[in-house]
């Protein structure tokens, strides 16, 4: 059966809990929480990112999430809570589901970066 992007987003949103930026802000100082910015580099350059977030463009997530990959991002470990975000939430949902499919247990989708920034979250 062929899937549409809407089908894939619905599956991802069902698999990965969504939290508000305010809920995410309460978790920001926890050393066991890693924020992952899935936007492209030009987007991050234009608006900044969550303070301390790891920037991994969505197209590279699988490579950087796999501990056996030469491109593995050391900040991503399966014992941490991973909070994904992007510009509007779609890439964050899809990326979160990918992480869950790869064995990450504690994955949350914060949605779009604007909610964090507009809510007073720390930006770098």
N, C-alpha and C. Protein backbone atom coordinates (compact mmCIF):
# COMPACT_ATOMS: atom_id res chain seq x y z
N UNK A 1 0.84 -1.18 0.00
CA UNK A 1 0.00 0.00 0.00
C UNK A 1 0.89 1.25 0.00
N UNK A 2 0.56 2.18 -0.83
CA UNK A 2 1.29 3.44 -0.92
C UNK A 2 0.88 4.36 0.22
N UNK A 3 1.88 5.04 0.80
CA UNK A 3 1.61 5.99 1.87
C UNK A 3 1.84 7.40 1.36
N UNK A 4 1.02 8.32 1.83
CA UNK A 4 1.22 9.73 1.55
C UNK A 4 2.02 10.34 2.70
N UNK A 5 2.50 11.54 2.51
CA UNK A 5 3.20 12.22 3.59
C UNK A 5 2.26 12.43 4.78
N UNK A 6 0.98 12.65 4.50
CA UNK A 6 0.01 12.82 5.59
C UNK A 6 -0.13 11.53 6.40
N UNK A 7 -0.10 10.38 5.71
CA UNK A 7 -0.15 9.09 6.40
C UNK A 7 1.08 8.93 7.29
N UNK A 8 2.23 9.27 6.74
CA UNK A 8 3.48 9.14 7.49
C UNK A 8 3.51 10.07 8.69
N UNK A 9 3.02 11.29 8.52
CA UNK A 9 2.96 12.23 9.64
C UNK A 9 2.00 11.74 10.72
N UNK A 10 0.87 11.20 10.32
CA UNK A 10 -0.10 10.68 11.29
C UNK A 10 0.52 9.54 12.10
N UNK A 11 1.23 8.65 11.44
CA UNK A 11 1.91 7.55 12.14
C UNK A 11 2.96 8.08 13.10
N UNK A 12 3.73 9.06 12.65
CA UNK A 12 4.78 9.62 13.48
C UNK A 12 4.18 10.32 14.70
N UNK A 13 3.13 11.08 14.48
CA UNK A 13 2.51 11.81 15.61
C UNK A 13 1.87 10.85 16.60
N UNK A 14 1.41 9.70 16.12
CA UNK A 14 0.84 8.68 17.02
C UNK A 14 1.94 7.98 17.82
N UNK A 15 3.13 7.87 17.25
CA UNK A 15 4.23 7.15 17.90
C UNK A 15 5.06 8.00 18.85
N UNK A 16 5.10 9.32 18.59
CA UNK A 16 5.98 10.21 19.36
C UNK A 16 5.12 11.25 20.08
N UNK A 17 5.13 11.24 21.41
CA UNK A 17 4.35 12.23 22.14
C UNK A 17 4.80 13.66 21.84
N UNK A 18 3.83 14.55 21.76
CA UNK A 18 4.10 15.97 21.54
C UNK A 18 4.06 16.69 22.88
N UNK A 19 5.03 17.58 23.08
CA UNK A 19 5.03 18.43 24.27
C UNK A 19 5.05 19.88 23.81
N UNK A 20 4.62 20.75 24.69
CA UNK A 20 4.63 22.18 24.39
C UNK A 20 6.03 22.74 24.63
N UNK A 21 6.33 23.88 24.03
CA UNK A 21 7.61 24.51 24.33
C UNK A 21 7.76 24.81 25.83
N UNK A 22 6.68 25.15 26.49
CA UNK A 22 6.75 25.43 27.92
C UNK A 22 7.14 24.17 28.71
N UNK A 23 6.60 23.03 28.31
CA UNK A 23 6.98 21.77 28.97
C UNK A 23 8.45 21.47 28.68
N UNK A 24 8.88 21.73 27.46
CA UNK A 24 10.28 21.50 27.09
C UNK A 24 11.21 22.41 27.87
N UNK A 25 10.80 23.66 28.09
CA UNK A 25 11.64 24.60 28.84
C UNK A 25 11.91 24.09 30.25
N UNK A 26 10.95 23.42 30.84
CA UNK A 26 11.12 22.87 32.19
C UNK A 26 12.16 21.75 32.20
N UNK A 27 12.42 21.15 31.06
CA UNK A 27 13.36 20.04 30.96
C UNK A 27 14.73 20.48 30.46
N UNK A 28 14.86 21.73 30.06
CA UNK A 28 16.07 22.21 29.38
C UNK A 28 17.34 22.08 30.20
N UNK A 29 17.27 22.18 31.50
CA UNK A 29 18.48 22.12 32.31
C UNK A 29 18.84 20.70 32.75
N UNK A 30 18.02 19.73 32.39
CA UNK A 30 18.27 18.33 32.76
C UNK A 30 19.39 17.77 31.89
N UNK A 31 20.48 17.29 32.49
CA UNK A 31 21.58 16.76 31.68
C UNK A 31 21.23 15.48 30.93
N UNK A 32 20.10 14.88 31.26
CA UNK A 32 19.67 13.66 30.58
C UNK A 32 18.70 13.95 29.44
N UNK A 33 18.60 15.22 29.05
CA UNK A 33 17.73 15.63 27.95
C UNK A 33 18.59 16.26 26.86
N UNK A 34 18.36 15.83 25.63
CA UNK A 34 19.08 16.37 24.48
C UNK A 34 18.06 16.93 23.50
N UNK A 35 18.19 18.21 23.17
CA UNK A 35 17.35 18.83 22.14
C UNK A 35 18.04 18.62 20.80
N UNK A 36 17.27 18.20 19.79
CA UNK A 36 17.81 17.98 18.46
C UNK A 36 17.06 18.87 17.48
N UNK A 37 17.79 19.78 16.88
CA UNK A 37 17.26 20.71 15.88
C UNK A 37 17.41 20.04 14.51
N UNK A 38 16.29 19.74 13.88
CA UNK A 38 16.29 19.02 12.61
C UNK A 38 16.17 19.93 11.39
N UNK A 39 16.29 21.23 11.58
CA UNK A 39 16.19 22.15 10.46
C UNK A 39 17.48 22.16 9.64
N UNK A 40 17.39 22.71 8.45
CA UNK A 40 18.58 22.89 7.62
C UNK A 40 19.45 24.00 8.21
N UNK A 41 20.72 23.98 7.86
CA UNK A 41 21.67 24.94 8.40
C UNK A 41 21.29 26.39 8.18
N UNK A 42 20.76 26.69 7.01
CA UNK A 42 20.37 28.08 6.71
C UNK A 42 19.26 28.55 7.64
N UNK A 43 18.37 27.65 8.02
CA UNK A 43 17.29 28.00 8.96
C UNK A 43 17.86 28.31 10.34
N UNK A 44 18.80 27.50 10.77
CA UNK A 44 19.41 27.70 12.09
C UNK A 44 20.20 29.01 12.09
N UNK A 45 20.94 29.29 11.03
CA UNK A 45 21.71 30.53 10.94
C UNK A 45 20.80 31.75 11.00
N UNK A 46 19.62 31.64 10.41
CA UNK A 46 18.71 32.78 10.35
C UNK A 46 18.04 33.09 11.69
N UNK A 47 17.80 32.06 12.51
CA UNK A 47 16.99 32.30 13.72
C UNK A 47 17.62 31.81 15.01
N UNK A 48 18.75 31.12 14.94
CA UNK A 48 19.34 30.55 16.14
C UNK A 48 18.72 29.19 16.44
N UNK A 49 19.10 28.66 17.59
CA UNK A 49 18.57 27.35 18.01
C UNK A 49 18.43 27.32 19.51
N UNK A 50 17.73 26.32 20.01
CA UNK A 50 17.60 26.13 21.45
C UNK A 50 19.01 26.06 22.04
N UNK A 51 19.23 26.79 23.12
CA UNK A 51 20.55 26.80 23.75
C UNK A 51 20.96 25.37 24.10
N UNK A 52 22.11 24.97 23.59
CA UNK A 52 22.65 23.64 23.86
C UNK A 52 22.16 22.54 22.93
N UNK A 53 21.28 22.89 22.00
CA UNK A 53 20.74 21.87 21.09
C UNK A 53 21.81 21.33 20.15
N UNK A 54 21.64 20.09 19.77
CA UNK A 54 22.47 19.47 18.75
C UNK A 54 21.78 19.71 17.42
N UNK A 55 22.51 20.25 16.46
CA UNK A 55 21.93 20.49 15.13
C UNK A 55 22.25 19.30 14.24
N UNK A 56 21.20 18.61 13.80
CA UNK A 56 21.34 17.50 12.86
C UNK A 56 20.28 17.68 11.79
N UNK A 57 20.67 18.09 10.58
CA UNK A 57 19.66 18.21 9.53
C UNK A 57 18.90 16.89 9.36
N UNK A 58 17.61 16.98 9.11
CA UNK A 58 16.76 15.79 9.03
C UNK A 58 17.33 14.71 8.11
N UNK A 59 17.93 15.10 7.03
CA UNK A 59 18.47 14.13 6.08
C UNK A 59 19.67 13.35 6.59
N UNK A 60 20.27 13.77 7.69
CA UNK A 60 21.43 13.08 8.25
C UNK A 60 21.13 12.37 9.55
N UNK A 61 19.90 12.43 10.02
CA UNK A 61 19.57 11.92 11.34
C UNK A 61 19.93 10.45 11.53
N UNK A 62 19.57 9.60 10.59
CA UNK A 62 19.82 8.18 10.75
C UNK A 62 21.32 7.90 10.93
N UNK A 63 22.15 8.60 10.16
CA UNK A 63 23.58 8.39 10.24
C UNK A 63 24.16 8.87 11.58
N UNK A 64 23.63 9.97 12.08
CA UNK A 64 24.17 10.51 13.32
C UNK A 64 23.55 9.86 14.56
N UNK A 65 22.43 9.19 14.40
CA UNK A 65 21.79 8.52 15.53
C UNK A 65 22.30 7.10 15.73
N UNK A 66 22.91 6.52 14.72
CA UNK A 66 23.37 5.14 14.80
C UNK A 66 24.77 5.10 15.43
N UNK A 67 24.89 4.49 16.61
CA UNK A 67 26.19 4.44 17.28
C UNK A 67 27.28 3.73 16.46
N UNK A 68 26.90 2.87 15.52
CA UNK A 68 27.88 2.16 14.70
C UNK A 68 28.33 2.98 13.50
N UNK A 69 27.71 4.11 13.26
CA UNK A 69 28.04 4.94 12.11
C UNK A 69 29.27 5.81 12.40
N UNK A 70 30.08 6.01 11.39
CA UNK A 70 31.23 6.91 11.52
C UNK A 70 30.79 8.35 11.78
N UNK A 71 29.54 8.66 11.43
CA UNK A 71 29.00 10.01 11.61
C UNK A 71 28.21 10.17 12.91
N UNK A 72 28.27 9.18 13.79
CA UNK A 72 27.47 9.22 15.00
C UNK A 72 27.72 10.50 15.81
N UNK A 73 26.62 11.12 16.26
CA UNK A 73 26.70 12.29 17.14
C UNK A 73 26.76 11.78 18.59
N UNK A 74 27.87 11.97 19.27
CA UNK A 74 28.03 11.41 20.62
C UNK A 74 26.96 11.85 21.62
N UNK A 75 26.34 13.00 21.39
CA UNK A 75 25.30 13.47 22.32
C UNK A 75 24.06 12.58 22.28
N UNK A 76 23.87 11.85 21.18
CA UNK A 76 22.70 10.98 21.05
C UNK A 76 23.00 9.60 21.63
N UNK A 77 22.41 9.35 22.77
CA UNK A 77 22.50 8.03 23.38
C UNK A 77 21.10 7.59 23.77
N UNK A 78 20.89 6.30 23.72
CA UNK A 78 19.55 5.77 23.92
C UNK A 78 19.07 5.86 25.37
N UNK A 79 19.95 6.23 26.29
CA UNK A 79 19.54 6.37 27.68
C UNK A 79 19.06 7.79 28.01
N UNK A 80 19.12 8.69 27.04
CA UNK A 80 18.68 10.07 27.26
C UNK A 80 17.30 10.31 26.67
N UNK A 81 16.66 11.36 27.15
CA UNK A 81 15.41 11.81 26.55
C UNK A 81 15.78 12.75 25.41
N UNK A 82 15.23 12.47 24.23
CA UNK A 82 15.52 13.27 23.05
C UNK A 82 14.28 14.10 22.72
N UNK A 83 14.46 15.40 22.60
CA UNK A 83 13.37 16.30 22.21
C UNK A 83 13.71 16.84 20.82
N UNK A 84 12.86 16.47 19.85
CA UNK A 84 13.07 16.94 18.48
C UNK A 84 12.25 18.19 18.22
N UNK A 85 12.78 19.03 17.33
CA UNK A 85 12.02 20.18 16.86
C UNK A 85 12.54 20.58 15.49
N UNK A 86 11.72 21.35 14.79
CA UNK A 86 12.10 21.85 13.47
C UNK A 86 11.43 23.22 13.31
N UNK A 87 10.99 23.57 12.13
CA UNK A 87 10.34 24.86 11.92
C UNK A 87 8.86 24.81 12.29
N UNK A 88 8.17 23.77 11.84
CA UNK A 88 6.73 23.70 12.07
C UNK A 88 6.28 22.42 12.77
N UNK A 89 7.14 21.42 12.87
CA UNK A 89 6.80 20.20 13.60
C UNK A 89 6.77 18.93 12.77
N UNK A 90 6.68 19.04 11.45
CA UNK A 90 6.62 17.85 10.61
C UNK A 90 7.91 17.04 10.62
N UNK A 91 9.03 17.71 10.40
CA UNK A 91 10.32 17.00 10.44
C UNK A 91 10.62 16.48 11.83
N UNK A 92 10.17 17.21 12.85
CA UNK A 92 10.38 16.76 14.22
C UNK A 92 9.60 15.47 14.49
N UNK A 93 8.38 15.39 13.99
CA UNK A 93 7.59 14.17 14.17
C UNK A 93 8.22 13.00 13.42
N UNK A 94 8.56 13.21 12.15
CA UNK A 94 9.16 12.14 11.35
C UNK A 94 10.51 11.72 11.93
N UNK A 95 11.31 12.69 12.34
CA UNK A 95 12.60 12.37 12.94
C UNK A 95 12.44 11.64 14.26
N UNK A 96 11.46 12.04 15.05
CA UNK A 96 11.21 11.36 16.32
C UNK A 96 10.82 9.90 16.10
N UNK A 97 9.98 9.65 15.11
CA UNK A 97 9.59 8.27 14.81
C UNK A 97 10.79 7.48 14.34
N UNK A 98 11.64 8.08 13.54
CA UNK A 98 12.86 7.40 13.09
C UNK A 98 13.71 7.00 14.29
N UNK A 99 13.87 7.92 15.24
CA UNK A 99 14.66 7.60 16.43
C UNK A 99 14.03 6.44 17.21
N UNK A 100 12.71 6.46 17.34
CA UNK A 100 12.03 5.35 18.03
C UNK A 100 12.26 4.05 17.28
N UNK A 101 12.16 4.09 15.96
CA UNK A 101 12.40 2.89 15.14
C UNK A 101 13.83 2.38 15.32
N UNK A 102 14.75 3.28 15.66
CA UNK A 102 16.16 2.92 15.84
C UNK A 102 16.48 2.51 17.27
N UNK A 103 15.46 2.43 18.12
CA UNK A 103 15.68 1.95 19.48
C UNK A 103 15.71 2.99 20.57
N UNK A 104 15.58 4.25 20.22
CA UNK A 104 15.52 5.30 21.24
C UNK A 104 14.15 5.22 21.90
N UNK A 105 14.13 5.14 23.21
CA UNK A 105 12.88 4.92 23.94
C UNK A 105 12.16 6.21 24.31
N UNK A 106 12.91 7.18 24.78
CA UNK A 106 12.33 8.42 25.30
C UNK A 106 12.51 9.55 24.29
N UNK A 107 11.54 9.66 23.39
CA UNK A 107 11.60 10.68 22.35
C UNK A 107 10.33 11.51 22.43
N UNK A 108 10.50 12.83 22.38
CA UNK A 108 9.38 13.77 22.44
C UNK A 108 9.49 14.76 21.29
N UNK A 109 8.36 15.22 20.80
CA UNK A 109 8.31 16.18 19.70
C UNK A 109 7.84 17.52 20.26
N UNK A 110 8.71 18.53 20.20
CA UNK A 110 8.34 19.87 20.66
C UNK A 110 7.66 20.67 19.55
N UNK A 111 7.74 20.19 18.32
CA UNK A 111 7.11 20.92 17.22
C UNK A 111 8.03 21.96 16.64
N UNK A 112 7.53 23.20 16.52
CA UNK A 112 8.27 24.26 15.86
C UNK A 112 9.09 25.13 16.79
N UNK A 113 10.20 25.61 16.26
CA UNK A 113 11.12 26.45 17.02
C UNK A 113 10.50 27.78 17.43
N UNK A 114 9.61 28.31 16.62
CA UNK A 114 9.02 29.62 16.92
C UNK A 114 8.33 29.61 18.29
N UNK A 115 7.67 28.53 18.63
CA UNK A 115 7.00 28.44 19.94
C UNK A 115 7.99 28.56 21.08
N UNK A 116 9.16 27.97 20.92
CA UNK A 116 10.23 28.06 21.93
C UNK A 116 10.71 29.51 22.04
N UNK A 117 11.02 30.07 20.90
CA UNK A 117 11.57 31.44 20.87
C UNK A 117 10.54 32.46 21.38
N UNK A 118 9.32 32.36 20.89
CA UNK A 118 8.27 33.29 21.31
C UNK A 118 7.90 33.13 22.78
N UNK A 119 8.11 31.93 23.30
CA UNK A 119 7.81 31.66 24.71
C UNK A 119 8.90 32.06 25.66
N UNK A 120 9.98 32.61 25.13
CA UNK A 120 11.07 33.08 26.00
C UNK A 120 12.14 32.04 26.26
N UNK A 121 12.15 30.95 25.52
CA UNK A 121 13.20 29.95 25.70
C UNK A 121 14.55 30.50 25.30
N UNK A 122 15.60 29.99 25.95
CA UNK A 122 16.96 30.46 25.65
C UNK A 122 17.37 30.03 24.25
N UNK A 123 17.96 30.98 23.53
CA UNK A 123 18.38 30.76 22.14
C UNK A 123 19.84 31.12 22.01
N UNK A 124 20.54 30.33 21.19
CA UNK A 124 21.94 30.67 20.87
C UNK A 124 22.12 30.71 19.38
